[in-house]
Every structure is written in C-alpha cells, then in structure tokens.
Amino acid sequence: MLVNGSLLQISQMISHSNLIVLIVVFSFPFIQGVLLVKAYYAVDYVNNYFIGRALSAPDTRNFAEFKFLHRIKTTNVKRFKWPNHDDIDCVHSSCKFYGPLNLRGHAPFEIVDIK
C-alpha cells in the first residue's frame, strides 16, 4: 500500500446490503498537474500499483505516457527490472501518482520510497 510519506484520508464510506465499501483518497507529496518528465512514479491501477518512468507531460486530455518496470517476483524485496519488450501506456491523471520515486541499484532496481 502506498502510504509512505502521504496522508491517507477516508473520504467516504458507503453501506450497501451487508457489504461495506470503503473509498479511500490518497494525498501524495505530488503537486496536482505537475509531472516531471523522466522521473519515476508509482501509478495506481485499481488493485495494484506499477512503477513507471514519465515519458511525456500530460496532454490536453490529461493523459501522460509512461514506460513501466516489471516486478521481479522471485524475491521478498520489491525489486523491478525493465521488461524484454517495452511496456508503454498512456495514463490518465485520474490515476493516483506517488512520486517522484528514488531508484536504488542498476537493474534490478529497488524502490526505497515504497513499503
């Protein structure tokens, strides 16, 4: 969970039948609308986060292009490497960003900012 250095706010709790859905809003040390090109960020995709390098600033539709690292699953330490084929995606600014992040090492990388 990406809460290191951020303020976690519970914004809304909705009860439906016997199911309680908790909607959480993260306030990250990231200035809204400012995205540093060539910096690394954690990008939130619903159930998981991915580490990516910003390749472009957000366009007029608020999409920015990211090149993503892949997690190495054989270790307990959160290490990441570049995939054999580029994993590039356009990400909308409504996805939560955390960063910029600091990478440690030379492939595989360790992310020191995420627990």
Protein backbone atom coordinates (compact mmCIF):
# COMPACT_ATOMS: atom_id res chain seq x y z
CA MET A 1 0.00 0.00 0.00
CA LEU A 2 1.37 3.41 -0.95
CA VAL A 3 1.12 5.39 2.25
CA ASN A 4 4.77 6.16 2.95
CA GLY A 5 5.09 9.95 3.12
CA SER A 6 1.46 10.53 2.31
CA LEU A 7 -1.67 11.46 4.16
CA LEU A 8 -4.36 8.83 3.99
CA GLN A 9 -7.88 10.17 4.23
CA ILE A 10 -11.06 8.21 4.43
CA SER A 11 -13.34 10.21 2.21
CA GLN A 12 -16.49 8.21 2.12
CA MET A 13 -17.98 5.02 3.49
CA ILE A 14 -20.94 3.52 1.70
CA SER A 15 -23.03 0.72 3.14
CA HIS A 16 -24.89 -1.48 0.69
CA SER A 17 -26.68 -4.60 1.98
CA ASN A 18 -24.19 -6.39 4.20
CA LEU A 19 -21.28 -5.14 2.15
CA ILE A 20 -19.40 -2.05 3.24
CA VAL A 21 -17.37 -0.36 0.55
CA LEU A 22 -14.59 1.91 1.72
CA ILE A 23 -13.44 4.59 -0.71
CA VAL A 24 -10.01 5.96 0.11
CA VAL A 25 -8.35 9.11 -1.18
CA PHE A 26 -4.57 9.48 -1.05
CA SER A 27 -2.90 12.87 -0.71
CA PHE A 28 0.60 12.30 -2.03
CA PRO A 29 3.62 14.59 -1.98
CA PHE A 30 2.81 15.33 -5.61
CA ILE A 31 1.62 18.71 -6.82
CA GLN A 32 -1.55 18.23 -8.85
CA GLY A 33 -0.89 18.92 -12.50
CA VAL A 34 2.91 18.81 -12.21
CA LEU A 35 4.55 15.70 -13.62
CA LEU A 36 8.30 15.62 -14.08
CA VAL A 37 9.25 14.01 -17.38
CA LYS A 38 11.94 11.29 -16.97
CA ALA A 39 11.07 10.89 -13.26
CA TYR A 40 9.73 7.64 -11.79
CA TYR A 41 6.26 7.34 -10.25
CA ALA A 42 4.02 4.70 -8.77
CA VAL A 43 0.81 4.62 -10.80
CA ASP A 44 -2.30 3.20 -9.16
CA TYR A 45 -4.36 0.78 -11.25
CA VAL A 46 -7.41 -0.18 -9.12
CA ASN A 47 -5.97 -3.23 -7.30
CA ASN A 48 -2.25 -2.76 -7.82
CA TYR A 49 0.41 -0.18 -8.46
CA PHE A 50 3.07 -0.12 -11.15
CA ILE A 51 6.37 1.75 -11.26
CA GLY A 52 6.86 3.80 -14.39
CA ARG A 53 9.01 6.50 -15.90
CA ALA A 54 7.11 9.50 -17.23
CA LEU A 55 7.91 9.90 -20.92
CA SER A 56 5.69 12.92 -21.51
CA ALA A 57 3.83 15.64 -19.66
CA PRO A 58 0.01 15.35 -19.57
CA ASP A 59 -1.60 16.39 -22.86
CA THR A 60 -4.77 18.47 -23.28
CA ARG A 61 -6.88 15.42 -22.36
CA ASN A 62 -4.79 14.84 -19.18
CA PHE A 63 -3.01 11.70 -20.45
CA ALA A 64 0.70 11.16 -19.91
CA GLU A 65 2.83 8.43 -21.43
CA PHE A 66 4.69 6.07 -19.07
CA LYS A 67 7.22 3.28 -19.61
CA PHE A 68 6.73 0.67 -16.90
CA LEU A 69 9.13 -1.54 -14.99
CA HIS A 70 8.08 -5.08 -14.08
CA ARG A 71 8.35 -6.52 -10.59
CA ILE A 72 10.69 -9.47 -10.05
CA LYS A 73 8.52 -11.94 -8.17
CA THR A 74 11.25 -14.37 -7.08
CA THR A 75 12.43 -12.19 -4.19
CA ASN A 76 10.85 -10.90 -1.00
CA VAL A 77 12.40 -7.50 -1.64
CA LYS A 78 10.45 -5.25 -4.00
CA ARG A 79 12.77 -5.24 -6.99
CA PHE A 80 11.94 -4.14 -10.50
CA LYS A 81 13.52 -4.53 -13.93
CA TRP A 82 12.91 -3.37 -17.46
CA PRO A 83 10.91 -5.99 -19.40
CA ASN A 84 12.31 -7.53 -22.59
CA HIS A 85 9.72 -5.61 -24.61
CA ASP A 86 8.80 -2.03 -23.72
CA ASP A 87 5.65 -1.74 -21.61
CA ILE A 88 4.38 1.72 -22.53
CA ASP A 89 0.92 3.04 -21.71
CA CYS A 90 -0.95 6.35 -21.67
CA VAL A 91 -2.20 7.04 -18.15
CA HIS A 92 -4.97 9.47 -17.26
CA SER A 93 -4.32 11.95 -14.48
CA SER A 94 -7.25 10.49 -12.53
CA CYS A 95 -4.95 7.55 -11.71
CA LYS A 96 -3.17 8.32 -8.48
CA PHE A 97 0.53 9.11 -8.79
CA TYR A 98 3.07 8.84 -6.00
CA GLY A 99 6.45 10.34 -6.57
CA PRO A 100 8.82 11.15 -7.94
CA LEU A 101 10.48 7.97 -6.61
CA ASN A 102 14.12 7.18 -5.97
CA LEU A 103 15.52 4.04 -7.58
CA ARG A 104 18.41 2.17 -5.98
CA GLY A 105 20.76 -0.04 -7.96
CA HIS A 106 21.37 -0.79 -11.62
CA ALA A 107 18.75 -3.22 -12.89
CA PRO A 108 17.25 -4.76 -10.94
CA PHE A 109 16.14 -1.62 -9.15
CA GLU A 110 14.87 -1.30 -5.60
CA ILE A 111 12.33 1.38 -4.83
CA VAL A 112 13.24 2.95 -1.50
CA ASP A 113 10.10 5.10 -1.18
CA ILE A 114 7.50 2.30 -1.12
CA LYS A 115 6.84 -0.13 1.72
